[in-house]
Every structure is written in structure tokens, then in C-alpha cells.
Protein backbone atom coordinates (compact mmCIF):
# COMPACT_ATOMS: atom_id res chain seq x y z
CA MET A 1 0.00 0.00 0.00
CA ILE A 2 1.29 3.49 -0.87
CA ASN A 3 1.86 5.64 2.21
CA SER A 4 -0.78 8.42 2.28
CA VAL A 5 1.91 11.01 2.97
CA PHE A 6 3.21 10.57 -0.58
CA VAL A 7 -0.20 10.68 -2.34
CA PRO A 8 -0.20 14.49 -2.82
CA LEU A 9 3.30 14.28 -4.32
CA ALA A 10 2.21 11.67 -6.85
CA SER A 11 -1.26 12.97 -7.69
CA HIS A 12 -0.12 14.29 -11.07
CA LEU A 13 1.20 10.89 -12.17
CA GLU A 14 -0.75 8.21 -14.02
CA PHE A 15 0.18 4.68 -12.97
CA VAL A 16 -0.12 1.66 -15.25
CA THR A 17 -1.07 -1.55 -13.44
CA ALA A 18 -0.30 -5.07 -14.64
CA ARG A 19 -3.96 -5.38 -15.72
CA ASP A 20 -3.75 -2.10 -17.66
CA PHE A 21 -0.64 -3.37 -19.40
CA THR A 22 -2.25 -6.69 -20.31
CA GLU A 23 -5.27 -4.94 -21.77
CA SER A 24 -3.24 -2.34 -23.67
CA ARG A 25 -3.14 -2.38 -27.45
CA ILE A 26 -0.87 -5.06 -28.90
CA VAL A 27 0.76 -4.46 -32.26
CA ASN A 28 1.11 -7.46 -34.57
CA GLU A 29 4.16 -6.43 -36.55
CA HIS A 30 4.53 -7.56 -40.14
CA LEU A 31 8.09 -8.80 -40.65
CA PRO A 32 9.37 -7.62 -44.05
CA THR A 33 10.77 -10.00 -46.67
CA PRO A 34 14.60 -10.16 -46.70
CA LEU A 35 16.25 -8.08 -49.42
CA ASP A 36 18.03 -10.07 -52.13
CA ALA A 37 20.02 -9.35 -55.31
CA THR A 38 16.88 -8.09 -57.10
CA SER A 39 15.81 -5.69 -54.33
CA GLU A 40 16.19 -1.93 -54.42
CA GLN A 41 18.39 -0.30 -51.81
CA PRO A 42 16.47 1.41 -48.97
CA PRO A 43 17.29 5.09 -48.26
CA LEU A 44 20.72 5.56 -46.69
CA PHE A 45 21.47 7.91 -43.77
CA ASP A 46 17.85 9.02 -43.41
CA GLY A 47 17.92 8.68 -39.62
CA THR A 48 16.93 5.00 -39.59
CA THR A 49 19.30 2.64 -37.77
CA ARG A 50 20.23 -0.54 -39.66
CA ILE A 51 22.56 -3.33 -38.56
CA VAL A 52 24.58 -5.26 -41.14
CA ASN A 53 25.44 -8.86 -40.28
CA GLU A 54 28.47 -9.29 -42.50
CA HIS A 55 29.99 -12.64 -43.36
CA LEU A 56 33.72 -12.29 -42.74
CA PRO A 57 35.77 -14.01 -45.47
CA THR A 58 38.63 -16.42 -44.75
CA PRO A 59 42.05 -14.70 -44.68
CA LEU A 60 44.18 -15.14 -47.79
CA ASP A 61 47.49 -16.94 -47.26
CA ALA A 62 50.51 -18.01 -49.31
CA THR A 63 48.42 -20.59 -51.18
CA SER A 64 45.61 -18.18 -52.12
CA GLU A 65 45.14 -16.66 -55.55
CA GLN A 66 45.34 -12.91 -55.89
CA PRO A 67 41.98 -11.19 -56.33
CA PRO A 68 41.61 -8.94 -59.42
CA LEU A 69 43.44 -5.62 -59.11
CA PHE A 70 42.04 -2.25 -60.23
CA ASP A 71 38.86 -3.77 -61.65
CA GLY A 72 36.66 -1.01 -60.25
CA THR A 73 36.12 -2.74 -56.88
CA THR A 74 37.31 -0.85 -53.81
CA ARG A 75 39.11 -3.26 -51.48
CA LEU A 76 40.34 -2.82 -47.93
CA TYR A 77 43.18 -5.22 -47.11
CA VAL A 78 43.24 -6.00 -43.39
CA SER A 79 44.23 -8.52 -40.76
CA TYR A 80 41.51 -9.45 -38.28
CA THR A 81 43.93 -9.03 -35.35
CA CYS A 82 45.86 -5.94 -36.49
CA PRO A 83 44.93 -2.75 -34.55
CA PHE A 84 46.17 -0.50 -37.36
CA ALA A 85 43.87 -2.17 -39.90
CA GLN A 86 41.08 -2.23 -37.33
CA ARG A 87 40.98 1.58 -37.36
CA VAL A 88 39.88 1.68 -41.01
CA TRP A 89 37.64 -1.36 -40.63
CA ILE A 90 35.67 0.34 -37.82
CA LEU A 91 35.31 3.53 -39.87
CA ARG A 92 34.11 1.58 -42.93
CA ASN A 93 31.45 -0.11 -40.80
CA TYR A 94 30.40 3.11 -39.06
CA LYS A 95 29.86 4.91 -42.37
CA GLY A 96 27.83 1.97 -43.71
CA LEU A 97 30.26 1.21 -46.56
CA HIS A 98 29.96 -2.58 -46.47
CA ASP A 99 28.80 -2.68 -50.10
CA LYS A 100 31.20 0.06 -51.23
CA ILE A 101 34.44 -1.26 -49.72
CA LYS A 102 35.12 -5.00 -49.90
CA LEU A 103 37.02 -6.54 -47.00
CA VAL A 104 40.05 -8.62 -48.04
CA PRO A 105 41.70 -10.22 -44.98
CA ILE A 106 45.36 -11.27 -45.14
CA ASP A 107 47.03 -13.98 -43.03
CA LEU A 108 50.05 -12.04 -41.74
CA GLN A 109 51.77 -15.19 -40.47
CA ASN A 110 51.66 -16.74 -43.93
CA ARG A 111 51.01 -13.81 -46.23
CA PRO A 112 50.79 -14.26 -50.01
CA ALA A 113 53.89 -13.30 -52.01
CA TRP A 114 51.73 -11.41 -54.52
CA TYR A 115 50.54 -9.01 -51.81
CA LYS A 116 53.98 -7.37 -51.59
CA GLU A 117 54.86 -7.82 -55.25
CA LYS A 118 51.66 -6.53 -56.85
CA VAL A 119 49.39 -4.91 -54.27
CA TYR A 120 51.27 -3.03 -51.54
CA HIS A 121 55.06 -2.95 -51.64
CA GLU A 122 55.27 -2.08 -47.94
CA ASN A 123 53.76 -5.54 -47.30
CA LYS A 124 51.69 -4.21 -44.38
CA VAL A 125 48.04 -3.77 -43.57
CA PRO A 126 45.88 -1.81 -43.87
CA ALA A 127 45.92 -0.90 -47.55
CA LEU A 128 43.06 0.52 -49.60
CA GLU A 129 42.62 -0.16 -53.32
CA HIS A 130 40.61 2.76 -54.70
CA ASN A 131 40.43 4.67 -57.98
CA GLY A 132 43.38 2.86 -59.54
CA LYS A 133 45.80 3.36 -56.65
CA ILE A 134 46.86 1.74 -53.37
CA ILE A 135 46.87 3.86 -50.22
CA GLY A 136 48.44 2.79 -46.91
CA GLU A 137 49.07 4.05 -43.35
CA SER A 138 46.07 3.78 -41.05
CA LEU A 139 45.92 7.41 -39.84
CA ASP A 140 46.07 8.68 -43.42
CA LEU A 141 43.47 6.13 -44.45
CA ILE A 142 40.84 7.02 -41.88
CA LYS A 143 41.07 10.65 -43.01
CA TYR A 144 40.91 9.58 -46.67
CA VAL A 145 37.88 7.31 -46.21
CA ASP A 146 36.09 9.94 -44.12
CA SER A 147 36.63 12.59 -46.82
CA ASN A 148 36.12 10.53 -49.99
CA PHE A 149 33.16 8.30 -49.16
CA GLU A 150 29.55 8.99 -48.27
CA GLY A 151 28.24 8.66 -44.76
CA PRO A 152 28.43 10.74 -41.58
CA SER A 153 31.61 12.81 -41.31
CA LEU A 154 33.73 12.09 -38.25
CA HIS A 155 35.83 15.24 -38.52
CA PRO A 156 34.71 18.26 -36.43
CA ASN A 157 33.83 21.69 -37.82
CA ASP A 158 34.40 23.54 -34.56
CA PRO A 159 37.91 25.14 -34.78
CA ALA A 160 38.85 24.30 -31.17
CA LYS A 161 37.78 20.68 -31.57
CA LYS A 162 39.44 20.45 -34.97
CA GLU A 163 42.79 21.61 -33.55
CA PHE A 164 42.50 19.28 -30.55
CA ALA A 165 41.59 16.39 -32.85
CA GLU A 166 44.76 16.87 -34.92
CA GLU A 167 46.83 17.06 -31.74
CA LEU A 168 45.40 13.81 -30.36
CA ILE A 169 45.62 11.93 -33.66
CA THR A 170 49.29 12.95 -33.91
CA TYR A 171 49.88 11.87 -30.30
CA SER A 172 48.40 8.41 -30.95
CA ASP A 173 51.70 7.18 -32.42
CA THR A 174 53.54 8.40 -29.31
CA PHE A 175 50.93 6.73 -27.09
CA ASN A 176 51.37 3.39 -28.87
CA LYS A 177 55.16 3.63 -28.77
CA ILE A 178 55.20 4.33 -25.02
CA VAL A 179 52.98 1.36 -24.22
CA PHE A 180 54.66 -1.06 -26.63
CA THR A 181 58.11 -0.06 -25.30
CA SER A 182 56.93 -0.56 -21.71
CA PHE A 183 56.51 -4.30 -22.35
CA LYS A 184 60.31 -4.59 -22.24
CA GLY A 185 60.74 -2.70 -18.96
CA ASP A 186 58.73 -1.79 -15.86
CA THR A 187 55.45 -2.04 -17.74
CA VAL A 188 52.97 -0.68 -15.20
CA LYS A 189 55.22 2.24 -14.26
CA GLU A 190 56.17 3.18 -17.82
CA ALA A 191 52.75 2.71 -19.46
CA GLY A 192 50.80 4.59 -16.78
CA PRO A 193 51.58 8.16 -17.96
CA ALA A 194 50.29 7.35 -21.46
CA PHE A 195 46.89 6.34 -20.08
CA ASP A 196 46.96 9.38 -17.78
CA HIS A 197 47.33 11.51 -20.91
CA LEU A 198 44.16 9.98 -22.38
CA GLU A 199 42.31 10.52 -19.09
CA ASN A 200 43.24 14.21 -19.14
CA ALA A 201 42.33 14.56 -22.82
CA LEU A 202 38.86 13.16 -22.09
CA HIS A 203 38.31 16.04 -19.63
CA LYS A 204 38.72 18.64 -22.39
CA PHE A 205 35.12 18.58 -23.68
CA ASN A 206 32.63 17.53 -21.01
CA ASP A 207 29.51 17.45 -23.20
CA GLY A 208 29.90 13.72 -23.90
CA PRO A 209 31.93 10.57 -23.30
CA PHE A 210 34.15 10.78 -26.39
CA PHE A 211 37.35 12.75 -26.96
CA LEU A 212 35.53 15.60 -28.73
CA GLY A 213 32.34 15.46 -26.68
CA HIS A 214 29.06 13.73 -27.47
CA GLU A 215 29.87 12.46 -30.97
CA LEU A 216 32.27 9.76 -32.09
CA SER A 217 35.18 11.14 -34.13
CA LEU A 218 38.32 10.02 -35.95
CA VAL A 219 40.19 10.58 -32.67
CA ASP A 220 38.22 7.81 -30.97
CA ILE A 221 38.70 5.51 -33.95
CA ALA A 222 42.46 6.12 -33.85
CA TYR A 223 42.63 4.91 -30.23
CA ILE A 224 39.89 2.26 -29.94
CA PRO A 225 41.84 -0.74 -31.35
CA PHE A 226 44.96 -0.09 -29.29
CA VAL A 227 43.21 0.58 -26.00
CA GLU A 228 41.22 -2.64 -26.55
CA LYS A 229 44.36 -4.71 -27.02
CA PHE A 230 46.46 -2.96 -24.38
CA GLN A 231 43.67 -3.37 -21.82
CA ALA A 232 43.40 -7.12 -22.47
CA PHE A 233 47.17 -7.69 -22.45
CA LEU A 234 48.00 -5.55 -19.41
CA SER A 235 45.16 -7.11 -17.44
CA GLY A 236 45.90 -10.67 -18.53
CA VAL A 237 49.67 -10.62 -17.97
CA TRP A 238 50.35 -7.93 -15.35
CA ASN A 239 46.92 -7.78 -13.68
CA TYR A 240 47.04 -4.03 -14.39
CA ASP A 241 43.66 -2.31 -14.68
CA ILE A 242 44.10 0.69 -16.99
CA THR A 243 40.74 2.12 -15.84
CA ALA A 244 41.62 2.24 -12.12
CA GLY A 245 41.62 5.88 -11.02
CA ARG A 246 40.64 6.99 -14.53
CA PRO A 247 36.84 7.53 -14.54
CA LYS A 248 36.73 9.28 -17.92
CA LEU A 249 38.65 6.48 -19.61
CA THR A 250 36.34 3.95 -17.93
CA LYS A 251 33.26 5.70 -19.31
CA TRP A 252 34.85 6.05 -22.76
CA ILE A 253 35.54 2.31 -22.95
CA GLU A 254 31.98 1.52 -21.83
CA GLU A 255 30.49 3.75 -24.55
CA VAL A 256 32.85 2.49 -27.24
CA ASN A 257 31.82 -1.10 -26.50
CA LYS A 258 28.22 -0.17 -27.36
CA ILE A 259 29.09 0.87 -30.93
CA ASP A 260 27.74 -1.68 -33.45
CA ALA A 261 30.39 -0.78 -36.03
CA TYR A 262 33.12 -1.74 -33.58
CA LYS A 263 31.71 -5.02 -32.23
CA PRO A 264 32.51 -7.29 -35.24
CA THR A 265 36.10 -6.00 -35.34
CA LYS A 266 36.94 -6.98 -31.75
CA THR A 267 39.44 -9.72 -30.94
CA ASP A 268 38.95 -12.30 -28.19
CA PRO A 269 41.00 -11.07 -25.17
CA LYS A 270 42.58 -14.53 -24.80
CA VAL A 271 43.80 -14.35 -28.40
CA ILE A 272 45.24 -10.88 -27.74
CA VAL A 273 47.18 -12.13 -24.71
CA GLU A 274 48.47 -15.11 -26.69
CA LEU A 275 49.57 -13.03 -29.70
CA PHE A 276 51.15 -10.23 -27.69
CA SER A 277 52.90 -12.65 -25.33
CA ALA A 278 54.45 -14.51 -28.25
CA ARG A 279 55.65 -11.26 -29.78
CA PHE A 280 56.76 -9.23 -26.77
CA LEU A 281 57.43 -11.70 -23.95
CA SER A 282 59.18 -14.59 -25.68
CA HIS A 283 62.39 -13.77 -23.76
CA LEU A 284 60.71 -14.29 -20.38
CA GLU A 285 60.22 -17.54 -18.48
CA PHE A 286 56.84 -17.88 -16.79
CA VAL A 287 55.77 -20.05 -13.89
CA THR A 288 52.36 -21.50 -14.75
CA ALA A 289 49.47 -21.85 -12.32
CA ARG A 290 49.85 -25.64 -12.57
CA ASP A 291 53.51 -25.42 -11.50
CA PHE A 292 52.47 -23.31 -8.53
CA ILE A 293 49.64 -25.62 -7.45
CA GLU A 294 51.87 -28.67 -7.65
CA SER A 295 54.64 -27.06 -5.59
CA ARG A 296 55.01 -27.91 -1.91
CA ILE A 297 52.19 -26.47 0.21
CA VAL A 298 52.63 -25.87 3.96
CA ASN A 299 49.71 -25.10 6.29
CA GLU A 300 51.47 -22.51 8.43
CA HIS A 301 50.14 -21.02 11.67
CA LEU A 302 50.32 -17.24 11.26
CA PRO A 303 51.50 -15.50 14.46
CA THR A 304 49.73 -12.49 15.98
CA PRO A 305 51.16 -9.14 14.77
CA LEU A 306 53.46 -7.31 17.19
CA ASP A 307 52.16 -3.93 18.39
CA ALA A 308 53.34 -1.14 20.70
CA THR A 309 52.85 -3.35 23.77
CA SER A 310 54.82 -6.32 22.43
CA GLU A 311 58.32 -7.28 23.49
CA GLN A 312 61.05 -7.21 20.89
CA PRO A 313 62.07 -10.66 19.63
CA PRO A 314 65.77 -11.58 19.95
CA LEU A 315 67.98 -9.79 17.42
CA PHE A 316 70.89 -11.38 15.54
CA ASP A 317 70.54 -14.76 17.27
CA GLU A 318 71.18 -16.61 13.98
CA THR A 319 67.44 -16.87 13.26
CA THR A 320 66.45 -15.40 9.88
CA ARG A 321 63.34 -13.27 10.31
CA GLN A 322 61.12 -11.61 7.76
CA TYR A 323 59.24 -8.60 9.17
CA VAL A 324 55.94 -8.12 7.36
CA SER A 325 52.46 -6.68 7.58
CA TYR A 326 49.71 -9.10 6.57
CA THR A 327 48.01 -6.37 4.52
CA CYS A 328 51.06 -4.74 2.90
CA PRO A 329 51.50 -5.70 -0.79
CA PHE A 330 55.21 -4.81 -0.72
CA ALA A 331 55.85 -7.22 2.14
CA GLN A 332 53.60 -9.75 0.44
CA ARG A 333 56.02 -9.97 -2.49
CA VAL A 334 58.77 -11.45 -0.31
CA TRP A 335 56.28 -13.51 1.69
CA ILE A 336 55.01 -15.21 -1.50
CA LEU A 337 58.56 -15.96 -2.65
CA ARG A 338 59.46 -17.40 0.77
CA ASN A 339 56.44 -19.71 0.60
CA TYR A 340 57.04 -20.70 -3.01
CA LYS A 341 60.65 -21.67 -2.31
CA GLY A 342 59.52 -23.72 0.70
CA LEU A 343 61.51 -21.65 3.22
CA HIS A 344 58.97 -21.80 6.05
CA ASP A 345 61.50 -23.44 8.38
CA LYS A 346 64.39 -21.26 7.19
CA ILE A 347 62.77 -17.81 7.42
CA LYS A 348 60.57 -17.02 10.43
CA LEU A 349 57.62 -14.70 9.81
CA VAL A 350 57.38 -11.72 12.21
CA PRO A 351 54.21 -9.67 11.51
CA ILE A 352 54.05 -5.99 12.56
CA ASP A 353 50.90 -3.97 13.32
CA LEU A 354 51.58 -0.88 11.16
CA GLN A 355 48.79 1.11 12.81
CA ASN A 356 50.30 0.58 16.27
CA ARG A 357 53.85 -0.48 15.52
CA PRO A 358 56.35 -1.19 18.31
CA ALA A 359 58.83 1.61 19.07
CA CYS A 360 61.59 -0.98 19.23
CA TYR A 361 61.09 -1.77 15.54
CA LYS A 362 62.41 1.62 14.44
CA GLU A 363 64.93 2.01 17.26
CA LYS A 364 66.62 -1.38 17.05
CA VAL A 365 65.45 -3.31 13.99
CA TYR A 366 64.85 -1.10 10.93
CA HIS A 367 65.46 2.63 11.16
CA GLU A 368 63.59 3.46 7.95
CA ASN A 369 60.23 2.56 9.53
CA LYS A 370 58.44 4.19 6.56
CA ASP A 371 55.38 3.51 4.50
CA PRO A 372 56.85 1.28 1.77
CA ALA A 373 54.27 2.47 -0.77
CA LYS A 374 55.35 6.08 -0.31
CA LYS A 375 59.00 5.12 -0.34
CA GLU A 376 58.69 3.35 -3.69
CA PHE A 377 56.59 6.16 -5.16
CA ALA A 378 59.15 8.70 -3.97
CA GLU A 379 61.96 6.86 -5.75
CA GLU A 380 59.86 6.67 -8.89
CA LEU A 381 59.12 10.42 -8.89
CA ILE A 382 62.68 11.45 -8.08
CA THR A 383 63.89 9.31 -10.98
CA TYR A 384 61.24 10.84 -13.25
CA SER A 385 62.32 14.40 -12.38
CA ASP A 386 65.16 14.25 -14.93
CA THR A 387 62.70 13.10 -17.60
CA PHE A 388 60.30 15.89 -16.60
CA ASN A 389 63.00 18.54 -16.92
CA LYS A 390 64.21 17.15 -20.24
CA ILE A 391 60.69 17.15 -21.73
CA VAL A 392 60.06 20.77 -20.74
CA PHE A 393 63.50 22.07 -21.75
CA THR A 394 63.25 20.27 -25.13
CA SER A 395 59.78 21.72 -25.70
CA PHE A 396 61.29 25.22 -25.90
CA LYS A 397 62.62 24.30 -29.35
CA GLY A 398 59.29 23.04 -30.71
CA ASP A 399 55.57 23.39 -30.05
CA THR A 400 56.16 24.29 -26.41
CA VAL A 401 52.63 24.27 -25.02
CA LYS A 402 51.72 21.01 -26.76
CA GLU A 403 54.95 19.19 -25.90
CA ALA A 404 55.34 20.39 -22.31
CA GLY A 405 51.71 19.75 -21.33
CA PRO A 406 51.99 15.96 -20.75
CA ALA A 407 54.88 16.51 -18.31
CA PHE A 408 52.73 18.77 -16.12
CA ASP A 409 49.81 16.34 -16.52
CA HIS A 410 52.10 13.68 -15.06
CA LEU A 411 52.71 15.84 -11.97
CA GLU A 412 48.98 16.51 -11.64
CA ASN A 413 48.24 12.78 -11.64
CA ALA A 414 51.09 12.07 -9.23
CA LEU A 415 49.62 14.57 -6.77
CA HIS A 416 46.40 12.51 -6.73
CA LYS A 417 48.23 9.44 -5.40
CA PHE A 418 48.11 10.36 -1.69
CA ASN A 419 45.17 12.58 -0.80
CA ASP A 420 46.04 13.17 2.87
CA GLY A 421 47.88 16.40 2.05
CA PRO A 422 48.97 18.82 -0.69
CA PHE A 423 52.44 17.36 -1.27
CA PHE A 424 53.52 14.47 -3.47
CA LEU A 425 53.62 12.05 -0.54
CA GLY A 426 50.69 13.52 1.39
CA HIS A 427 50.74 15.91 4.32
CA GLU A 428 54.52 16.26 4.74
CA LEU A 429 57.12 17.93 2.53
CA SER A 430 59.58 15.37 1.15
CA LEU A 431 62.64 15.11 -1.06
CA VAL A 432 60.26 14.62 -3.99
CA ASP A 433 58.81 18.12 -3.56
CA ILE A 434 62.28 19.58 -3.14
CA ALA A 435 63.42 17.90 -6.37
CA TYR A 436 60.64 19.61 -8.35
CA ILE A 437 60.15 23.00 -6.64
CA PRO A 438 63.06 24.90 -8.33
CA PHE A 439 62.18 23.71 -11.83
CA VAL A 440 58.42 24.20 -11.58
CA GLU A 441 59.06 27.72 -10.25
CA LYS A 442 61.23 28.66 -13.23
CA PHE A 443 59.18 26.81 -15.84
CA GLN A 444 56.01 28.52 -14.59
CA ALA A 445 57.54 31.99 -14.88
CA PHE A 446 59.09 31.33 -18.31
CA LEU A 447 56.07 29.63 -19.90
CA SER A 448 53.74 32.31 -18.59
CA GLY A 449 55.97 35.22 -19.59
CA VAL A 450 56.91 34.02 -23.10
CA TRP A 451 54.02 31.81 -24.25
CA ASN A 452 51.26 33.08 -21.94
CA TYR A 453 50.84 29.42 -20.89
CA ASP A 454 49.38 28.84 -17.44
CA ILE A 455 50.68 25.48 -16.19
CA THR A 456 48.04 25.41 -13.42
CA ALA A 457 45.02 25.70 -15.76
CA GLY A 458 42.97 22.51 -15.43
CA ARG A 459 45.40 21.15 -12.83
CA PRO A 460 43.89 21.83 -9.39
CA LYS A 461 46.33 19.62 -7.48
CA LEU A 462 49.35 21.31 -9.05
CA THR A 463 47.79 24.70 -8.29
CA LYS A 464 47.42 23.81 -4.60
CA TRP A 465 50.95 22.33 -4.46
CA ILE A 466 52.44 25.56 -5.84
CA GLU A 467 50.40 27.71 -3.45
CA VAL A 468 51.47 25.73 -0.38
CA ASN A 469 55.13 25.53 -1.36
CA TYR A 470 55.55 29.14 -2.37
CA ASN A 471 53.49 30.62 0.47
CA THR A 472 54.79 28.39 3.26
CA TYR A 473 58.45 27.89 2.45
CA ASP A 474 61.09 30.44 1.60
CA VAL A 475 61.68 29.32 -1.98
């Protein structure tokens, strides 16, 4: 029963009961006859949504015959797993060009000799056969297809959006290079700033989920295939979630996955992990889950953590001790390795209550007594400071505002890491802040005075950091 208090509030509404619904008018829809080779084409781009279920042909390999060349048919040569080719494939689908541009898939692992000899001398995909010529390079191709074929244009008319679109399309090569290169190093650390750059770019126009606002554009198409594959690979191999702490990127991925033109071009995440692992991680030796399960397992009694009231265990009595916190991921690394190597009887576990740690731990055991997460982050930022300075100094010789921006975006994102204070590591000034203060001070003055570029615009954390440092300390 509806509470009488709410009746006046709902008096203007008309409720439909289950009985009303049952007795409402039912429409018996006539299903139209499927269109065949003799049927006329329905109107195109008249506001009606149509979905094309396309049969994807088998990829051509070294044993396949070459299709006719320059016979008036427009052909798009692709690989079903290549992100570069996927860019043009998505655009073709989105513009409804299934009957205008024929898909010709190539088996890149066993590609036909005639493809290089007679079709595209670069021997890469994508390539477009159109008007008696072959055109390559995916970024050039998406612009070409958008300009030379019918269908909705994906290039903006607004000057600000047009300029930003060119900037982001140009940056896409840098983005890909950063992430691909990271696979050979500290992947999570090195790839992170590239995804931070996308997160910041998605804040530029807040009238929609895409890079230029509410409408899909060539910018989105340039990034979709790579973000798809990087997300699957980084999650599958490194358990790294590229959306964590990046709400705009999360929303962008959600909206992109709803696009019908994109869905048939997607690759199974397991296939992505397999292909990328074979290409980028062949030099590494992995321990499989089966190996781990079949290793020796010990049911160990975990001791109670030591707190401020606990007595210090003996020190240097020839017992090897590992001091840990049960909830600290940094300590967990060594704990896992100890267990895996079967060292339970060789290394004694000594848990510490970090919220109420014993005074003796700092005084007599380990003087650092610091938050390991902040310590590692501090080392990372201090190391990055040279890169930061180099990026900004180098930008003075080029497009300064465009090239220096990502470096300041990196600082803005770093200042979001610990929200218990305005500094890089939280509420206390640290060596990290001291490493950056002199350079940010001088860069801010120079960029503002010469290029009228405000490094704090759109960077609230950096703004606060500068205010606190310059107003509190004699810098």
C-alpha cells in the first residue's frame, strides 16, 4: 500500500497496473521479406538505424590466388587481429560502406607473395585499393575514407575541436610507442603516464563521453583498437587495470563497446594475450598456475602481529626473520617468494601492526620505519624528475605548449596518489617536492611570460601544491 503522505506528491502521475498493461493495445508487426540481389536499396542515412550482419571471409594466405586488381572494386586489405587495420575497418562499418568497400583479410603469419609484389610494396596492412591506386598508413586512411566516401563525417567543424583532434591523432603514435616499449621494462610504471594523458584529454570537452564530446570522431577511432588490445594484455599478464583511477577512460571504454560498427572488429582477449605474449614476452620464463599448485604447500600457523605493547624478539641470534604486515602488498612480495621456495623453516615470519607499531622496531630493527608504498613512489618520482626537466627544456625548441603539457599532466596525476595532504607524498614535505620546486618555479615563470601558458590551468592539485610551497616555504 502506498503511504498516504506521498499521495499528494504523486497525484499528477498516471500509474499503469499489470492489468492495464495486459489490456493495452498489442501491435502485430509484419516482418518484411529479406532483401536479395533483385531488391532496391532502402534510403541511406535518413535517420533509420540498420545493422549489417556481414559474413567475414577467410584470410588469404601463401596458397591463395590474388583477387583482381584495379577492376573497379574498392578493397580494404586487413588482418583481423591488427589494430592499425582495425581503425579503417571500424570507420568503414560506421559509415555503412559494407557494399562500397570490400574486405580482403590477409594472413600475416603466412602472407601471399603477390601481396607485396603486386598490391602493396610495404607488405603491411591496412591498404586501400581505390580509384586505380593503393593507399596505406592507417591514420592517413581514416582521413581519406572519411573525406572521400559517403556517410556521416567524423571530422569536427568547430575550430577548437578540430585543432584538438589533430593534436590527439598525432599523439596516438607516441601513445602506442610508449605502451609497446613498456613491455620490455617496468610495464605498469612506464605505461601509466600514457593512459593518464588519455584521461586528461577526455576532460577537455565535457559534453559527452568521447574525446571531442558527445559524438564519435576520428580521434576515438584512432585509439579504440589499441586501447582494446592494451587493456586485455596488461590485465591478462600484469593484472594491471588501466581504468583504475581513470573515470573518464572507464566511461569512454563503456560507450565504445556499445558501438555496433566496432563489435565485429573486436578480438577475443585470450587471443590478444596469446599473440602479444608470443611477440613481446618470448624472452621471459613464466611459472604457470599448474607449477604453482603442484609445488610444496605448507599449512602454516600465522602469528599475531606485534604492536606497541609487544616485546622485541631476539635480534641477531642466527634466526632469519622476515618482518611483514599481513596487509602490505610490498611485504607480500617477499612472503610469497618465501612460501614458493619452501623456506617456512628457514625464514621465520614476524608480523608488525603498522597502525600501532612497536617503538623498538624503528629504534633497534629497521630505522627506515616508513610507509613502503610512499618510499617506492618517492623513488619513482625522483627518478622521473630528470625526464620531466628534459621534456620541458626540449619543448622550448618546438611546439612548447603542446609538448610540455603531458609533463605537467604527469605531476597533476602524481599529486592525486596520496590525498592526505597537498604534497607528493601527502601531508609532509619530502625530497620529492624539493626535487621539483626549483624547476616548476622557473618553468612557470618562463612559460607564462613568453608563451602566456598557465601550467596550473585545469590542474587543481598542481595549483594547490604551488600555493602551499611558495606561500609556506622560503623558496
